[in-house]
Protein backbone atom coordinates (compact mmCIF):
# COMPACT_ATOMS: atom_id res chain seq x y z
CA MET A 1 8.54 -5.38 -32.94
CA ALA A 2 6.74 -8.61 -33.12
CA SER A 3 3.01 -8.30 -33.25
CA GLY A 4 0.62 -10.37 -35.68
CA LYS A 5 0.65 -14.16 -35.28
CA LYS A 6 2.53 -14.12 -32.00
CA ASN A 7 -0.18 -12.22 -30.41
CA LYS A 8 -2.41 -15.07 -30.76
CA GLU A 9 -0.39 -17.02 -28.59
CA ILE A 10 -2.04 -14.98 -25.72
CA ASP A 11 -5.78 -14.78 -25.99
CA LEU A 12 -8.08 -11.94 -24.74
CA GLU A 13 -8.70 -13.30 -21.09
CA GLU A 14 -5.08 -13.83 -20.32
CA GLN A 15 -4.29 -10.39 -21.72
CA ILE A 16 -6.93 -9.18 -19.07
CA GLU A 17 -5.28 -11.07 -16.54
CA PHE A 18 -1.95 -9.59 -17.44
CA LEU A 19 -3.50 -6.15 -17.09
CA LYS A 20 -5.02 -6.67 -13.65
CA LYS A 21 -1.44 -7.28 -12.09
CA VAL A 22 -0.24 -3.93 -13.74
CA HIS A 23 -0.53 -0.69 -11.11
CA PHE A 24 -1.68 1.58 -13.93
CA PHE A 25 -4.90 -0.39 -14.23
CA HIS A 26 -5.72 -0.69 -10.55
CA GLY A 27 -9.33 -0.09 -10.26
CA PHE A 28 -10.33 -0.88 -13.74
CA ASP A 29 -12.96 -3.83 -14.36
CA ASP A 30 -12.89 -6.70 -16.97
CA HIS A 31 -15.33 -4.70 -19.08
CA GLU A 32 -13.08 -1.43 -19.18
CA LEU A 33 -9.92 -3.55 -19.63
CA LYS A 34 -11.48 -5.45 -22.47
CA GLN A 35 -12.63 -2.00 -23.89
CA PHE A 36 -8.82 -0.47 -23.50
CA LEU A 37 -7.29 -3.54 -25.29
CA GLN A 38 -9.80 -2.88 -28.29
CA VAL A 39 -8.33 0.66 -28.58
CA SER A 40 -4.64 -0.39 -28.09
CA LYS A 41 -2.07 -2.48 -29.72
CA TRP A 42 -0.71 -5.48 -27.59
CA LEU A 43 3.09 -6.00 -28.65
CA ARG A 44 5.27 -9.03 -27.82
CA VAL A 45 8.81 -7.44 -28.15
CA PRO A 46 12.15 -9.72 -28.21
CA ALA A 47 15.07 -8.96 -26.00
CA ASN A 48 17.27 -6.05 -27.51
CA THR A 49 14.55 -4.60 -29.73
CA VAL A 50 14.56 -0.85 -29.98
CA ILE A 51 11.05 0.35 -28.95
CA ILE A 52 11.51 4.16 -29.05
CA LYS A 53 14.39 5.59 -31.11
CA GLU A 54 15.93 8.85 -29.99
CA ASN A 55 15.10 11.98 -32.25
CA THR A 56 12.01 10.40 -33.80
CA THR A 57 8.56 11.83 -33.53
CA GLU A 58 5.53 9.66 -32.96
CA ARG A 59 2.54 10.15 -31.00
CA ALA A 60 2.58 7.21 -28.76
CA PHE A 61 2.59 6.10 -25.30
CA TYR A 62 3.52 2.84 -23.86
CA ILE A 63 2.67 0.66 -20.85
CA LEU A 64 4.99 -2.13 -19.83
CA VAL A 65 2.76 -5.01 -18.95
CA ARG A 66 5.43 -7.68 -18.37
CA GLY A 67 9.35 -7.62 -18.71
CA GLU A 68 12.21 -4.93 -18.50
CA VAL A 69 13.47 -2.15 -20.69
CA ARG A 70 16.31 0.17 -20.52
CA VAL A 71 16.48 4.04 -21.10
CA GLU A 72 19.78 4.75 -23.15
CA LYS A 73 21.15 8.08 -23.99
CA ARG A 74 23.77 8.58 -26.89
CA LEU A 75 26.29 11.43 -26.09
CA PRO A 76 28.73 12.75 -28.84
CA GLY A 77 31.93 11.37 -28.96
CA LYS A 78 30.82 8.32 -27.05
CA GLU A 79 30.72 4.78 -28.65
CA LYS A 80 28.05 3.35 -26.40
CA PRO A 81 25.18 4.78 -24.97
CA ILE A 82 24.94 5.52 -21.26
CA LEU A 83 22.20 3.85 -19.43
CA LEU A 84 19.83 6.36 -17.82
CA THR A 85 17.38 3.94 -15.92
CA ASN A 86 15.65 0.55 -15.97
CA LEU A 87 11.90 0.09 -16.15
CA GLY A 88 10.07 -3.06 -15.06
CA THR A 89 6.52 -4.25 -15.02
CA GLY A 90 3.87 -1.85 -14.71
CA ASP A 91 6.06 1.09 -15.74
CA CYS A 92 5.10 3.71 -18.49
CA PHE A 93 7.26 5.46 -21.03
CA GLY A 94 6.96 7.72 -23.94
CA GLU A 95 4.17 9.48 -22.17
CA MET A 96 5.09 13.25 -23.26
CA ALA A 97 3.97 12.21 -26.69
CA LEU A 98 0.59 12.05 -25.58
CA VAL A 99 0.93 15.69 -24.32
CA THR A 100 2.86 17.50 -27.19
CA GLU A 101 4.63 16.52 -30.29
CA ILE A 102 8.16 16.57 -29.55
CA ARG A 103 11.30 14.50 -30.58
CA ARG A 104 11.93 11.22 -28.35
CA THR A 105 14.89 12.34 -26.27
CA ALA A 106 16.33 8.98 -25.61
CA ASP A 107 16.32 5.18 -26.85
CA VAL A 108 14.05 2.66 -25.03
CA VAL A 109 15.36 -0.86 -25.62
CA ALA A 110 13.87 -4.22 -24.39
CA SER A 111 16.15 -5.77 -22.04
CA THR A 112 13.98 -9.26 -21.93
CA GLU A 113 11.11 -10.45 -23.69
CA SER A 114 8.43 -7.94 -23.02
CA PHE A 115 4.53 -7.31 -23.34
CA ILE A 116 3.81 -3.88 -24.23
CA LEU A 117 0.56 -1.95 -24.65
CA ARG A 118 0.98 0.89 -27.19
CA VAL A 119 -1.41 3.60 -26.85
CA GLU A 120 -2.32 6.36 -29.35
CA PRO A 121 -4.19 9.59 -28.36
CA GLU A 122 -6.48 9.53 -31.62
CA ILE A 123 -7.50 5.85 -30.83
CA VAL A 124 -8.09 6.65 -26.96
CA SER A 125 -10.07 9.71 -27.87
CA THR A 126 -12.51 7.74 -29.86
CA SER A 127 -13.19 5.10 -27.02
CA ASN A 128 -15.91 5.31 -24.31
CA VAL A 129 -15.99 8.78 -22.53
CA PHE A 130 -15.84 6.99 -18.99
CA LEU A 131 -12.86 4.99 -20.02
CA GLN A 132 -11.18 7.99 -21.45
CA LEU A 133 -11.74 9.79 -17.94
CA LYS A 134 -10.37 6.92 -16.04
CA PHE A 135 -7.59 6.49 -18.24
CA TYR A 136 -6.52 10.24 -18.31
CA LYS A 137 -6.83 10.48 -14.65
CA ARG A 138 -4.25 7.43 -14.19
CA PHE A 139 -2.22 9.16 -16.80
CA CYS A 140 -2.23 12.56 -15.39
CA GLU A 141 -1.36 10.82 -11.88
CA ARG A 142 1.72 9.04 -13.32
CA LEU A 143 2.82 12.51 -14.76
CA VAL A 144 2.53 14.12 -11.32
CA ALA A 145 4.41 11.26 -9.73
CA ARG A 146 7.05 11.62 -12.40
CA LEU A 147 7.20 15.24 -11.77
CA ASP A 148 7.52 14.85 -7.98
CA LEU A 149 10.21 12.39 -8.44
CA ALA A 150 11.96 14.73 -10.61
CA ASN A 151 11.68 17.75 -8.10
CA LYS A 152 12.89 15.58 -5.10
CA ARG A 153 16.02 14.40 -7.18
CA VAL A 154 16.78 18.22 -7.95
CA ALA A 155 16.17 19.17 -4.42
CA GLY A 156 18.39 16.56 -3.33
CA ARG A 157 21.30 17.08 -5.57
CA ASP A 158 22.36 20.45 -4.14
CA GLY A 159 25.04 20.93 -6.81
CA GLU A 160 25.94 17.01 -6.68
CA GLU A 161 24.83 13.96 -8.03
CA ALA A 162 21.49 12.63 -7.02
CA LYS A 163 21.73 9.93 -4.45
CA PRO A 164 21.26 6.29 -5.66
CA SER A 165 18.04 4.60 -4.80
CA ILE A 166 18.15 2.14 -1.61
CA LEU A 167 18.32 -0.88 -4.12
CA GLN A 168 20.91 0.48 -6.15
CA LYS A 169 23.07 1.18 -2.90
CA VAL A 170 22.47 -2.22 -1.76
CA LEU A 171 23.20 -3.80 -5.11
CA SER A 172 26.27 -1.89 -5.46
CA ASP A 173 27.94 -1.08 -2.24
CA GLY A 174 30.64 -3.83 -1.43
CA ASP A 175 31.47 -2.03 1.85
CA LEU A 176 28.12 -3.07 3.86
CA VAL A 177 28.29 -6.18 5.96
CA GLU A 178 27.27 -9.31 4.38
CA ALA A 179 24.20 -11.31 5.46
CA GLU A 180 26.10 -14.02 7.53
CA GLU A 181 27.92 -11.54 9.60
CA GLU A 182 24.96 -9.43 10.29
CA VAL A 183 22.75 -12.39 11.26
CA GLY A 184 25.42 -13.56 13.81
CA LYS A 185 25.13 -10.26 15.75
CA PRO A 186 22.98 -10.03 18.88
CA PRO A 187 19.97 -7.95 18.44
CA VAL A 188 20.51 -4.14 19.05
CA LYS A 189 17.31 -2.10 19.61
CA PRO A 190 17.24 1.06 17.56
CA SER A 191 16.33 4.17 19.16
CA PRO A 192 12.66 4.65 17.60
CA VAL A 193 11.76 7.81 15.51
CA ILE A 194 8.81 8.14 17.70
CA ASP A 195 10.50 9.12 21.12
CA ARG A 196 7.96 9.52 23.64
CA SER A 197 8.32 12.69 25.42
CA ASP A 198 8.66 12.68 29.33
CA LYS A 199 5.39 14.29 29.59
CA GLU A 200 3.78 11.42 27.68
CA GLN A 201 5.71 8.91 29.66
CA ARG A 202 4.38 10.41 32.95
CA ALA A 203 0.81 10.20 31.52
CA ARG A 204 1.14 6.79 30.73
CA ALA A 205 2.71 5.87 34.29
CA SER A 206 0.00 7.80 36.16
CA LEU A 207 -2.96 6.14 34.04
CA THR A 208 -5.31 3.94 36.17
CA LEU A 209 -6.13 1.01 33.92
CA PRO A 210 -8.95 -1.35 34.39
CA PRO A 211 -8.18 -5.00 35.23
CA LEU A 212 -7.13 -7.35 32.65
CA PRO A 213 -9.89 -9.79 31.82
CA ASP A 214 -9.96 -13.05 33.27
CA LYS A 215 -8.59 -15.85 31.19
CA GLU A 216 -11.05 -18.18 32.60
CA GLN A 217 -13.89 -15.98 31.12
CA ARG A 218 -12.81 -16.07 27.74
CA LEU A 219 -15.09 -17.18 25.01
CA THR A 220 -14.84 -19.99 22.74
CA PRO A 221 -13.91 -19.03 18.82
CA ALA A 222 -17.60 -20.15 18.03
CA LYS A 223 -19.16 -17.88 20.42
CA LEU A 224 -16.89 -14.99 19.54
CA HIS A 225 -17.69 -15.48 15.82
CA HIS A 226 -21.38 -15.20 16.62
CA ARG A 227 -20.71 -11.83 18.25
CA VAL A 228 -19.01 -10.21 15.19
CA HIS A 229 -21.56 -8.49 13.07
CA PRO A 230 -20.88 -6.66 9.94
CA GLU A 231 -23.05 -3.75 10.90
CA ALA A 232 -21.41 -3.40 14.31
CA VAL A 233 -20.65 0.07 15.26
CA LEU A 234 -16.97 0.65 15.68
CA PRO A 235 -14.80 3.75 16.88
CA VAL A 236 -13.64 6.33 14.05
CA ASN A 237 -10.78 8.64 14.89
CA PRO A 238 -12.34 11.69 16.53
CA ALA A 239 -9.86 14.05 14.88
CA VAL A 240 -10.64 12.55 11.36
CA ALA A 241 -14.39 12.61 12.23
CA ALA A 242 -14.12 16.34 13.23
CA GLU A 243 -12.36 17.36 9.91
CA LEU A 244 -14.58 15.57 7.85
CA SER A 245 -17.77 17.00 9.64
CA ARG A 246 -16.34 20.36 9.13
CA MET A 247 -15.68 19.93 5.67
CA MET A 248 -18.99 18.57 4.69
CA LYS A 249 -20.90 21.20 6.43
CA GLY A 250 -22.70 23.27 3.71
CA SER A 251 -21.88 23.00 -0.14
CA GLY A 252 -18.12 23.28 0.44
CA GLY A 253 -17.78 19.59 1.24
CA LEU A 254 -18.81 18.72 -2.39
CA ASP A 255 -15.95 20.69 -3.93
CA ASN A 256 -12.78 18.94 -2.85
CA THR A 257 -13.17 15.21 -3.49
CA ARG A 258 -9.60 14.50 -3.66
CA ARG A 259 -9.30 15.82 0.01
CA LEU A 260 -12.66 13.86 1.24
CA ALA A 261 -10.87 10.63 -0.17
CA ASP A 262 -7.63 11.72 1.53
CA LEU A 263 -9.38 11.97 4.95
CA ILE A 264 -11.38 8.79 4.43
CA SER A 265 -8.21 7.01 3.83
CA LEU A 266 -7.03 8.12 7.34
CA ASP A 267 -9.37 5.80 9.12
CA PRO A 268 -10.00 2.33 8.87
CA VAL A 269 -13.51 2.14 9.60
CA LEU A 270 -14.72 4.81 7.36
CA SER A 271 -12.85 3.24 4.41
CA CYS A 272 -14.65 -0.01 5.20
CA ARG A 273 -17.90 1.45 5.47
CA VAL A 274 -17.48 3.26 1.88
CA ILE A 275 -16.05 -0.02 0.26
CA GLN A 276 -18.97 -1.85 1.82
CA THR A 277 -21.54 0.37 0.41
CA ALA A 278 -19.93 0.37 -3.19
CA ASN A 279 -20.15 -3.66 -3.01
CA SER A 280 -23.78 -3.64 -1.60
CA PRO A 281 -26.50 -5.20 -3.75
CA PHE A 282 -27.67 -1.62 -4.68
CA TYR A 283 -24.33 -0.82 -6.81
CA ARG A 284 -23.71 -4.69 -7.90
CA ARG A 285 -20.86 -4.89 -10.21
CA ALA A 286 -19.11 -7.70 -11.98
CA ASN A 287 -16.02 -7.27 -9.71
CA MET A 288 -15.74 -6.32 -6.12
CA VAL A 289 -14.82 -2.72 -5.43
CA GLY A 290 -11.39 -2.67 -3.28
CA THR A 291 -10.33 1.00 -3.09
CA VAL A 292 -11.90 4.05 -1.82
CA PRO A 293 -11.38 6.26 -4.86
CA LEU A 294 -13.32 3.73 -7.07
CA ALA A 295 -15.94 3.20 -4.44
CA MET A 296 -16.45 7.13 -4.27
CA VAL A 297 -16.73 7.05 -8.26
CA ILE A 298 -19.39 4.29 -8.10
CA ILE A 299 -21.38 5.66 -5.06
CA GLY A 300 -21.19 9.33 -6.02
CA VAL A 301 -20.06 12.15 -3.58
CA LYS A 302 -23.52 13.04 -1.94
CA PRO A 303 -24.34 9.32 -0.87
CA VAL A 304 -20.72 8.90 0.30
CA GLN A 305 -21.11 12.05 2.46
CA GLU A 306 -24.45 10.21 3.88
CA VAL A 307 -22.43 7.14 4.75
CA LEU A 308 -19.85 9.13 6.46
CA LEU A 309 -22.14 11.14 8.53
CA ASP A 310 -24.15 8.18 9.44
CA THR A 311 -20.89 6.11 10.52
CA ILE A 312 -19.47 9.15 12.34
CA ARG A 313 -22.71 9.79 14.27
CA ALA A 314 -23.19 6.18 15.21
CA ALA A 315 -19.47 6.12 16.47
CA LYS A 316 -19.96 8.81 19.03
CA SER A 317 -21.92 6.02 21.05
CA VAL A 318 -19.05 3.82 21.59
CA GLN A 319 -15.93 4.54 23.27
CA GLY A 320 -12.79 2.98 21.82
CA PHE A 321 -9.89 1.50 24.02
CA SER A 322 -11.95 2.34 27.12
CA GLY A 323 -11.40 5.98 26.47
CA VAL A 324 -7.63 5.51 26.83
CA THR A 325 -6.54 8.08 24.33
CA LEU A 326 -2.99 7.43 24.28
CA VAL A 327 -3.64 3.75 23.06
CA ALA A 328 -6.39 4.93 20.57
CA LYS A 329 -3.96 7.44 18.83
CA ASP A 330 -1.15 4.65 18.72
CA PHE A 331 -3.55 2.46 17.15
CA TRP A 332 -4.75 4.93 14.38
CA GLN A 333 -1.07 6.28 13.62
CA HIS A 334 0.05 2.68 13.56
CA ALA A 335 -2.68 1.86 10.81
CA VAL A 336 -1.85 4.81 8.48
CA VAL A 337 2.08 4.55 8.96
CA VAL A 338 1.86 0.56 8.13
CA GLY A 339 0.07 1.64 5.02
CA ARG A 340 2.41 4.02 3.88
CA ILE A 341 5.53 2.04 4.49
CA ALA A 342 3.94 -0.77 2.58
CA GLU A 343 3.54 1.41 -0.28
CA MET A 344 7.22 2.75 0.21
CA LEU A 345 8.60 -0.75 0.06
CA ARG A 346 6.47 -1.48 -3.22
CA ASP A 347 8.24 1.49 -4.80
CA VAL A 348 11.66 0.99 -3.73
CA ILE A 349 11.57 -2.72 -4.59
CA ARG A 350 9.80 -2.02 -7.86
CA LEU A 351 6.99 -4.62 -7.01
CA ASN A 352 3.80 -5.15 -8.73
CA THR A 353 1.01 -6.25 -7.24
CA SER A 354 -2.89 -5.41 -8.18
CA ALA A 355 -3.67 -5.22 -4.37
CA ASP A 356 -4.15 -1.55 -2.94
CA LEU A 357 -1.07 -2.03 -0.23
CA TYR A 358 -1.86 1.26 1.61
CA LEU A 359 -5.25 -0.02 2.32
CA CYS A 360 -4.04 -3.44 3.02
CA GLY A 361 -1.68 -1.64 5.68
CA LEU A 362 -4.62 0.47 6.94
CA LEU A 363 -7.05 -2.23 7.63
CA HIS A 364 -4.33 -4.95 8.92
CA ASP A 365 -5.45 -4.45 12.57
CA LEU A 366 -8.87 -4.05 12.00
CA GLY A 367 -9.86 -7.08 14.13
CA MET A 368 -8.36 -5.16 17.21
CA LEU A 369 -11.41 -2.82 16.94
CA VAL A 370 -13.85 -5.87 16.99
CA LEU A 371 -12.06 -7.52 19.86
CA ASP A 372 -12.20 -4.15 21.85
CA GLY A 373 -15.87 -4.04 21.38
CA ILE A 374 -15.92 -7.56 22.92
CA SER A 375 -13.27 -7.02 25.63
CA PRO A 376 -12.87 -3.44 26.23
CA ASN A 377 -10.27 -4.00 29.27
CA PHE A 378 -7.67 -5.74 27.03
CA TYR A 379 -5.97 -3.05 24.80
CA PRO A 380 -5.79 -0.42 27.30
CA GLN A 381 -3.05 -2.31 29.04
CA TYR A 382 -0.83 -1.21 26.14
CA ALA A 383 -0.38 2.13 27.69
CA GLN A 384 1.77 0.38 30.29
CA PRO A 385 2.67 -2.89 28.68
CA SER A 386 3.99 -5.63 30.80
CA GLU A 387 6.60 -8.12 29.36
CA GLU A 388 3.83 -10.42 29.21
CA MET A 389 1.93 -8.29 26.45
CA GLN A 390 4.68 -8.52 24.14
CA ASP A 391 3.44 -11.05 21.79
CA VAL A 392 -0.09 -9.73 21.05
CA VAL A 393 -1.59 -12.50 19.01
CA ARG A 394 -0.53 -15.04 22.00
CA VAL A 395 -2.04 -12.92 24.61
CA GLU A 396 -5.16 -12.16 22.57
CA LYS A 397 -5.96 -15.81 22.63
CA GLU A 398 -5.30 -16.39 25.99
CA TYR A 399 -7.52 -13.30 27.53
CA ILE A 400 -10.01 -12.90 24.78
CA GLY A 401 -10.11 -16.25 22.84
CA VAL A 402 -9.01 -15.46 19.43
CA ASP A 403 -6.41 -13.13 17.96
CA HIS A 404 -7.10 -9.90 16.04
CA GLY A 405 -6.38 -11.11 12.76
CA GLN A 406 -9.12 -13.94 12.88
CA ALA A 407 -11.61 -11.39 14.31
CA GLY A 408 -10.81 -8.99 11.38
CA VAL A 409 -11.58 -11.80 8.90
CA TRP A 410 -14.87 -12.37 10.37
CA LEU A 411 -15.89 -8.84 10.08
CA ALA A 412 -14.30 -8.24 6.63
CA GLU A 413 -16.41 -11.56 5.13
CA GLY A 414 -19.62 -9.84 6.60
CA ILE A 415 -18.58 -6.51 4.90
CA GLY A 416 -17.65 -7.85 1.80
CA LEU A 417 -14.09 -6.87 1.36
CA PRO A 418 -11.98 -8.36 -1.45
CA GLN A 419 -9.97 -11.52 -0.67
CA PRO A 420 -6.52 -9.67 -0.37
CA TYR A 421 -7.41 -7.56 2.89
CA LEU A 422 -8.70 -10.75 4.47
CA ASP A 423 -5.55 -12.68 3.89
CA VAL A 424 -3.44 -9.62 5.21
CA MET A 425 -5.65 -9.46 8.26
CA HIS A 426 -5.31 -13.07 8.81
CA PHE A 427 -1.46 -13.71 8.12
CA HIS A 428 0.31 -10.41 8.57
CA HIS A 429 2.01 -11.84 11.78
CA GLN A 430 2.44 -15.22 10.07
CA PRO A 431 3.17 -14.65 6.28
CA GLU A 432 4.46 -18.36 6.06
CA LYS A 433 0.91 -19.60 6.38
CA ALA A 434 -0.51 -17.66 3.87
CA THR A 435 -1.57 -19.58 0.67
CA THR A 436 -2.99 -16.87 -1.44
CA ASN A 437 -2.25 -13.19 -1.87
CA GLN A 438 1.36 -13.95 -0.28
CA LEU A 439 2.88 -10.80 -1.70
CA PRO A 440 0.34 -8.33 -0.03
CA VAL A 441 0.74 -10.44 3.24
CA ALA A 442 4.55 -10.14 2.99
CA MET A 443 4.57 -6.38 2.49
CA VAL A 444 2.42 -5.64 5.43
CA ASN A 445 4.25 -8.03 7.55
CA LEU A 446 7.44 -6.18 6.93
CA ALA A 447 5.65 -2.87 6.94
CA ASN A 448 4.13 -3.61 10.42
CA ILE A 449 7.69 -4.69 11.62
CA PHE A 450 9.38 -1.56 10.24
CA ALA A 451 6.58 0.70 11.94
CA SER A 452 7.26 -0.99 15.17
CA MET A 453 10.77 -0.58 14.94
CA LYS A 454 10.30 3.00 14.69
CA GLY A 455 7.94 3.38 17.60
CA ALA A 456 4.61 3.67 15.63
CA CYS A 457 2.89 0.72 17.51
CA LEU A 458 0.80 -0.03 20.52
CA GLY A 459 3.05 0.26 23.66
CA GLN A 460 6.88 0.04 23.65
CA PRO A 461 8.47 -1.14 20.38
CA GLU A 462 9.91 -4.44 21.09
CA VAL A 463 11.37 -5.66 17.54
CA THR A 464 14.76 -4.81 16.18
CA GLU A 465 16.37 -4.89 12.66
CA GLN A 466 17.05 -8.71 13.34
CA ASP A 467 13.20 -9.24 13.41
CA ALA A 468 13.02 -7.49 9.98
CA VAL A 469 16.01 -9.44 8.64
CA ARG A 470 14.62 -12.77 9.71
CA SER A 471 11.10 -12.33 8.35
CA PHE A 472 9.87 -15.07 6.15
CA SER A 473 8.54 -12.16 3.83
CA TRP A 474 11.87 -11.84 2.21
CA ALA A 475 11.55 -15.40 0.70
CA VAL A 476 8.09 -14.50 -0.59
CA ILE A 477 9.54 -11.40 -2.35
CA GLN A 478 12.46 -13.07 -3.65
CA GLU A 479 9.93 -15.85 -5.16
CA TYR A 480 7.62 -13.16 -6.79
CA HIS A 481 10.40 -10.71 -7.80
CA ARG A 482 13.61 -12.50 -9.10
CA PRO A 483 15.76 -9.34 -9.22
CA PHE A 484 15.44 -9.22 -5.45
CA GLN A 485 17.36 -12.59 -5.30
CA GLU A 486 20.55 -10.80 -5.89
CA VAL A 487 20.02 -8.47 -2.81
CA SER A 488 21.40 -8.77 0.64
CA VAL A 489 18.53 -8.56 3.01
CA PRO A 490 20.43 -7.38 6.10
CA GLN A 491 22.05 -4.51 3.76
CA PHE A 492 18.50 -3.71 2.48
CA VAL A 493 16.81 -3.60 5.82
CA ASN A 494 19.62 -1.38 7.18
CA SER A 495 19.25 0.96 4.16
CA PHE A 496 15.44 1.18 4.28
CA SER A 497 15.50 1.67 7.97
CA ALA A 498 17.91 4.79 7.46
CA GLU A 499 15.49 6.07 4.55
CA LEU A 500 12.75 5.69 7.03
CA ASP A 501 14.53 7.90 9.61
CA LYS A 502 15.28 10.48 6.88
CA THR A 503 11.40 10.72 5.73
CA TRP A 504 9.65 10.24 8.89
CA ALA A 505 8.18 13.46 9.06
CA GLY A 506 6.60 13.00 5.77
CA ILE A 507 5.46 9.70 6.53
CA THR A 508 3.71 10.79 9.93
CA GLY A 509 3.12 14.66 9.28
CA ASP A 510 -0.46 14.78 8.25
CA ILE A 511 -1.84 11.99 10.38
CA LEU A 512 -4.85 13.52 12.42
CA LEU A 513 -4.61 12.37 15.99
């Protein structure tokens, strides 16, 4: 392995910037990353270098900061090793060495020139106690995720080989239709996974909706901007609010912080208020806080509880979507589903981004709550949407004055959300216009399309697989993730859509509505 002089080619600030883009270090600030670099070894590894050798013993754990490595296993009687898997930027390997002293079970070889952090338990144990806690928390999350994946693979085998990933299938299946043939076909509307029941359809049809706002009465963008206040009272999902209120009664609400974080992360407004508090002058930090778990660590559980109770109490004074609960439920379900699909896309494509894609998805339509407070008769129309209402961005501008992306940005600026969330709100319908944070914007744009295809949207789904295929977002992904340039987009969209169908119960099962 190469270290020593070559490491001087990358200074400390560059190393910190490298780590910020690695998912393992999401939530670490500059000071913590600097501390971590001081107690770990930064390695620059040429292609085809053996990093871990099978049957050797060492107490070291590796984090792939940039590059690609392959995991190989040598079998008796076989001249060449078999490939077990490929790992990319942000992946970890050799983690069992931090838990117990066992012999390495496979070779790990650099496929390309790679930058790697070598972490030794003795070194970490001598570092700052808060850094230790954060590191081992993230380390345990990785182990749990790896164990969960192994369980799913075993459950899926049923005596057979595990199924290849979506990306592997798209890259290897020569029988799938080529892109040119697929794009030439007329769009076919899929049957949505969320198939509204006859009872719900009748309920929607029987609703007496308020009249649409008068186009002539819409406000100018300047006047609308003046009416958007960071402390505006916005509606909270009542089912989430009720569950949180029950949980926080008495002392029991402080025991399960993981459940508390999970519930907060089911609601856009509660998530925003917690992050807003963490970024307030009282908790001022060098870097902006952009995730709910980190905000909870900074604020503390009891103050978070007070923020939640205040927000829930205030929300009782407002009625979202003019009390049309069918539209309200569609909104809250769509927010969570888009966040989860964005994360799923990231994992399937093996993308690396420092932004919290789930939260990007959860907050992408926050501006709808802002505009609903200004024009309460508009969104209830999606209980019985007409053909005119299909292009939501256009009709928002026609009837209200601005679209929900712009309204969301105005609110987010006042709240103090990090820039990635603003860019996602602003451009998730037009990813080609984003000039910064293009990758999170592209991922949420695609997640939004896939969610709508499956019926998790306001009104009736009006998009098809061809809308997903034609999205500009794929060009962004191919630019930032070169391996995806070899993938047929129509094949990937088809396979990912089928995977969503299979896992839909898990995606939507625990959303409180």
